[in-house]
Protein backbone atom coordinates (compact mmCIF):
# COMPACT_ATOMS: atom_id res chain seq x y z
CA MET A 1 -37.36 35.95 41.94
CA SER A 2 -37.04 35.81 38.71
CA TRP A 3 -35.64 32.18 36.75
CA PRO A 4 -32.23 33.42 35.63
CA SER A 5 -31.63 35.41 38.52
CA PHE A 6 -32.57 32.16 40.86
CA LEU A 7 -30.26 30.32 38.45
CA TRP A 8 -27.59 32.62 38.68
CA ARG A 9 -27.90 32.59 42.10
CA ASN A 10 -27.74 28.74 43.35
CA LEU A 11 -24.43 28.41 40.12
CA SER A 12 -22.65 31.02 42.20
CA ARG A 13 -22.39 29.90 44.91
CA ASN A 14 -20.29 26.73 44.52
CA LYS A 15 -18.37 28.11 41.49
CA LEU A 16 -15.87 25.11 41.37
CA ARG A 17 -18.76 22.46 40.72
CA SER A 18 -20.36 24.62 38.55
CA LEU A 19 -16.73 25.26 36.36
CA LEU A 20 -16.63 21.04 36.99
CA THR A 21 -20.08 20.12 35.78
CA GLY A 22 -19.65 23.27 32.58
CA GLY A 23 -16.39 21.47 31.50
CA ALA A 24 -18.13 17.64 31.69
CA ILE A 25 -21.02 19.09 29.58
CA ALA A 26 -18.65 20.54 27.17
CA LEU A 27 -16.46 17.16 27.50
CA ALA A 28 -19.46 15.04 26.64
CA ILE A 29 -20.81 17.53 23.24
CA ALA A 30 -17.04 17.16 22.10
CA LEU A 31 -17.10 13.80 22.01
CA VAL A 32 -20.33 13.67 20.41
CA CYS A 33 -19.55 15.23 18.28
CA PHE A 34 -16.23 13.66 16.91
CA LEU A 35 -17.92 9.88 17.28
CA ALA A 36 -20.52 11.43 14.88
CA THR A 37 -17.84 12.84 12.32
CA MET A 38 -15.01 10.40 12.41
CA PRO A 39 -16.85 7.84 10.34
CA ASP A 40 -16.48 10.76 7.21
CA GLY A 41 -13.09 11.85 8.70
CA MET A 42 -11.49 8.35 8.16
CA ASN A 43 -13.17 8.14 4.99
CA ARG A 44 -11.73 11.38 3.50
CA ILE A 45 -8.41 9.66 4.32
CA LEU A 46 -8.67 6.76 3.21
CA GLU A 47 -10.15 9.11 -0.50
CA HIS A 48 -7.05 10.42 -0.17
CA VAL A 49 -4.72 7.59 -0.55
CA ALA A 50 -6.88 5.37 -2.67
CA THR A 51 -7.54 5.92 -6.66
CA ASN A 52 -10.99 5.47 -8.07
CA THR A 53 -8.63 4.32 -11.14
CA ARG A 54 -7.00 1.32 -9.54
CA ILE A 55 -7.86 -2.46 -8.76
CA VAL A 56 -5.77 -5.13 -6.65
CA VAL A 57 -6.02 -8.56 -7.37
CA HIS A 58 -5.04 -11.18 -5.00
CA ASN A 59 -5.93 -14.77 -4.56
CA GLU A 60 -9.66 -15.69 -3.47
CA ALA A 61 -8.28 -17.37 -0.36
CA GLY A 62 -6.16 -14.61 1.01
CA LEU A 63 -3.02 -12.42 0.37
CA VAL A 64 -0.38 -14.32 1.15
CA TYR A 65 -1.14 -17.08 -1.12
CA PRO A 66 -0.18 -17.14 -4.35
CA LEU A 67 -1.26 -16.04 -8.68
CA PRO A 68 0.27 -17.53 -11.69
CA TYR A 69 2.36 -14.76 -12.99
CA ALA A 70 0.86 -15.86 -16.67
CA TYR A 71 -2.33 -14.43 -15.27
CA ILE A 72 -0.61 -10.67 -15.76
CA GLN A 73 -0.36 -10.92 -19.19
CA LYS A 74 -4.14 -11.66 -19.68
CA VAL A 75 -5.09 -8.93 -17.18
CA ARG A 76 -3.11 -6.64 -19.39
CA SER A 77 -5.10 -7.57 -22.63
CA MET A 78 -8.75 -6.55 -20.83
CA PRO A 79 -10.11 -3.44 -22.18
CA GLY A 80 -10.19 -0.49 -20.02
CA VAL A 81 -6.59 -1.21 -18.91
CA VAL A 82 -3.68 0.99 -18.55
CA ALA A 83 -1.43 -0.53 -16.58
CA VAL A 84 -0.42 -3.76 -14.69
CA THR A 85 2.51 -4.10 -12.52
CA SER A 86 2.40 -7.36 -9.94
CA TRP A 87 3.59 -7.19 -6.02
CA THR A 88 5.83 -9.84 -4.78
CA TRP A 89 6.41 -9.37 -1.35
CA PHE A 90 10.25 -9.51 -0.37
CA GLY A 91 10.07 -9.64 3.54
CA GLY A 92 13.12 -7.38 3.77
CA VAL A 93 15.24 -6.90 6.73
CA PHE A 94 17.84 -4.11 6.96
CA LYS A 95 19.39 -4.62 10.08
CA GLU A 96 19.50 -8.40 10.56
CA GLU A 97 19.80 -8.09 14.64
CA ASP A 98 15.90 -6.48 14.91
CA GLY A 99 14.74 -8.98 12.59
CA VAL A 100 12.06 -6.07 11.70
CA SER A 101 11.06 -6.76 7.77
CA PHE A 102 8.82 -3.64 6.12
CA PRO A 103 7.42 -3.62 2.96
CA SER A 104 9.93 -4.22 -0.15
CA PHE A 105 7.86 -5.69 -3.23
CA ALA A 106 10.06 -7.13 -6.69
CA ILE A 107 7.68 -5.01 -9.05
CA GLU A 108 8.00 -4.67 -13.09
CA PRO A 109 10.01 -1.31 -13.49
CA ASP A 110 8.10 -0.17 -16.72
CA ALA A 111 4.64 0.15 -15.48
CA VAL A 112 4.98 2.02 -12.39
CA GLY A 113 4.73 5.64 -13.91
CA GLU A 114 1.14 4.53 -15.62
CA THR A 115 0.02 2.09 -12.20
CA TRP A 116 0.83 5.48 -9.66
CA PRO A 117 1.09 8.69 -11.05
CA ASP A 118 -0.25 10.25 -8.05
CA TYR A 119 2.68 9.24 -6.34
CA GLN A 120 4.35 11.85 -8.41
CA ILE A 121 7.93 10.43 -8.80
CA ALA A 122 10.12 12.22 -10.96
CA PRO A 123 10.45 11.04 -14.32
CA GLN A 124 14.60 10.54 -14.30
CA GLN A 125 14.03 8.51 -11.20
CA LEU A 126 11.62 6.28 -13.20
CA GLU A 127 14.28 6.18 -16.31
CA GLU A 128 16.58 4.79 -13.81
CA PHE A 129 14.28 2.61 -12.17
CA LYS A 130 14.15 0.77 -15.79
CA HIS A 131 17.17 0.76 -16.84
CA ARG A 132 19.31 0.06 -13.73
CA ARG A 133 18.56 -3.74 -12.47
CA ASP A 134 19.58 -3.72 -8.32
CA ALA A 135 17.89 -0.01 -8.68
CA ALA A 136 14.87 0.64 -5.92
CA ILE A 137 12.62 3.77 -5.38
CA VAL A 138 11.33 4.47 -1.73
CA GLY A 139 8.98 5.99 0.29
CA ARG A 140 10.08 9.28 2.35
CA GLY A 141 9.23 7.83 5.18
CA THR A 142 11.00 4.34 5.12
CA LEU A 143 13.69 6.17 3.44
CA ALA A 144 13.51 8.73 6.95
CA LYS A 145 13.58 5.87 9.18
CA TYR A 146 16.75 4.33 8.35
CA GLY A 147 18.43 7.87 7.78
CA TRP A 148 19.05 6.69 3.73
CA LYS A 149 19.27 8.83 0.58
CA ILE A 150 18.93 8.60 -2.88
CA GLY A 151 22.32 6.60 -4.51
CA ASP A 152 23.31 5.37 -1.32
CA ARG A 153 23.82 1.52 -1.52
CA VAL A 154 21.39 -0.88 0.76
CA THR A 155 21.78 -4.91 1.23
CA LEU A 156 18.21 -6.27 2.44
CA LYS A 157 18.11 -9.92 3.67
CA SER A 158 14.24 -12.10 3.01
CA THR A 159 12.23 -13.73 4.89
CA VAL A 160 11.30 -15.48 1.96
CA PHE A 161 13.54 -15.93 -0.24
CA PRO A 162 17.29 -17.73 0.20
CA VAL A 163 18.85 -14.31 -0.91
CA ASP A 164 20.17 -11.72 0.53
CA LEU A 165 20.18 -8.67 -2.42
CA GLU A 166 21.82 -5.32 -2.49
CA PHE A 167 20.12 -2.17 -3.68
CA GLN A 168 21.31 1.75 -4.98
CA ILE A 169 17.98 3.76 -4.16
CA VAL A 170 17.51 5.74 -6.98
CA GLY A 171 14.43 7.78 -6.72
CA GLU A 172 11.89 8.12 -3.89
CA ILE A 173 8.17 7.66 -3.96
CA PRO A 174 7.75 11.79 -2.52
CA ASN A 175 4.60 11.50 0.04
CA GLU A 176 4.10 9.80 3.50
CA ARG A 177 1.67 7.73 2.64
CA ALA A 178 3.68 5.03 0.33
CA PRO A 179 6.34 3.17 2.69
CA HIS A 180 7.66 0.87 0.19
CA PHE A 181 11.39 -0.08 -0.80
CA TRP A 182 10.61 -1.20 -4.97
CA PHE A 183 12.61 -2.89 -7.01
CA GLN A 184 13.48 -4.90 -9.86
CA ARG A 185 11.75 -7.86 -10.31
CA GLU A 186 13.53 -9.63 -12.38
CA TYR A 187 16.31 -8.72 -10.22
CA LEU A 188 14.63 -10.53 -7.67
CA GLU A 189 14.48 -13.81 -10.45
CA GLN A 190 17.74 -13.75 -11.39
CA ALA A 191 18.72 -13.89 -7.58
CA VAL A 192 16.90 -17.17 -6.81
CA ALA A 193 17.35 -18.82 -9.72
CA ALA A 194 21.23 -18.53 -8.60
CA ALA A 195 20.21 -19.59 -5.01
CA GLY A 196 18.64 -22.50 -6.28
CA GLY A 197 15.36 -21.51 -6.60
CA HIS A 198 12.59 -21.23 -3.78
CA GLY A 199 11.81 -23.48 -1.00
CA ASP A 200 8.57 -23.68 -1.86
CA VAL A 201 8.08 -23.80 -5.49
CA GLY A 202 11.20 -25.22 -6.99
CA HIS A 203 13.43 -24.10 -9.32
CA LYS A 204 10.94 -21.35 -11.05
CA PHE A 205 9.89 -18.08 -9.25
CA ASP A 206 6.84 -18.30 -11.78
CA PHE A 207 4.45 -16.33 -9.47
CA LEU A 208 3.07 -12.90 -7.34
CA GLY A 209 1.48 -11.80 -4.63
CA GLU A 210 -0.88 -9.87 -6.14
CA MET A 211 -1.55 -7.19 -9.32
CA TRP A 212 -2.23 -3.87 -9.02
CA VAL A 213 -4.27 -2.77 -12.39
CA ARG A 214 -5.41 0.88 -13.44
CA VAL A 215 -7.62 1.50 -15.62
CA ASP A 216 -8.55 4.77 -17.80
CA ASP A 217 -12.53 5.06 -16.57
CA PRO A 218 -13.76 5.01 -12.95
CA ALA A 219 -16.37 3.82 -14.37
CA ARG A 220 -14.91 0.55 -15.33
CA ILE A 221 -14.00 -0.41 -11.73
CA ASP A 222 -17.01 -2.31 -11.32
CA PRO A 223 -17.03 -4.35 -14.53
CA LEU A 224 -13.58 -4.96 -14.57
CA MET A 225 -13.48 -7.06 -11.10
CA ARG A 226 -16.24 -9.07 -12.34
CA GLU A 227 -13.94 -10.15 -15.62
CA ILE A 228 -11.41 -9.75 -13.90
CA ASP A 229 -12.51 -12.67 -11.60
CA GLN A 230 -14.71 -14.64 -13.75
CA THR A 231 -11.98 -15.18 -15.78
CA PHE A 232 -9.86 -16.88 -13.34
CA ARG A 233 -13.13 -18.90 -11.63
CA ASN A 234 -12.11 -22.41 -12.66
CA SER A 235 -8.50 -22.31 -12.75
CA GLU A 236 -6.06 -23.33 -10.79
CA ALA A 237 -5.71 -20.25 -8.25
CA GLN A 238 -9.19 -17.97 -8.26
CA THR A 239 -9.04 -14.20 -7.72
CA SER A 240 -10.29 -11.84 -5.51
CA SER A 241 -10.49 -7.97 -6.69
CA GLU A 242 -11.51 -5.25 -5.11
CA ASN A 243 -11.21 -1.34 -5.65
CA GLU A 244 -8.04 1.04 -3.37
CA LYS A 245 -10.09 1.86 -0.80
CA SER A 246 -11.63 -1.36 -0.07
CA TYR A 247 -8.42 -3.04 0.20
CA PHE A 248 -6.98 -0.94 2.79
CA THR A 249 -9.89 -0.78 5.06
């Protein structure tokens, strides 16, 4: 009896057992292939989300610690910097009964288009965002989650500042990767001043959470990160700079 005939004869004795054995082997091979390719797949996702021309600058002590707002002017003047904007976490809650905050940030509206050109926010929406004090631009996923649309007025209660702010939604971030709620920093500054200041820092709102920096050439990323951190090395709040991909991991 030949070897193939012997093998077929034994396999056909118990077809269910043979089927289950073959299925287990196939599953094992599939799992090995999945685990082998998963890191590359995750990297591709991160490459899609992040760009190679943005830097995130935050406090070296951690993301929850602020930076002086004066830092932003120094970074803007550095060679190769196209745009800089700050993020300051607002911790907005839409429905007070659920108490769930989402990514809501006070930012400088003038720099949004240059800092995130890949977000493809409509130019007319960016213009309205710049000129309307209570304007907000919101990520597509967040709009869908709460059933909002452009033109709606919404009120958010801050979990950080002693203010509730009313906004008019004037624009959309047209992709699923940015669930943000952006609004004008000046609007928050005025509201905090009217409320008597921020509890942790007195009456002045002179800090920021993070700086987002866009450069003109990917080759400048590493040198500029070193320059930024060196500039503030012995300052009251030292910085830690990283590229966007590193930040999201």
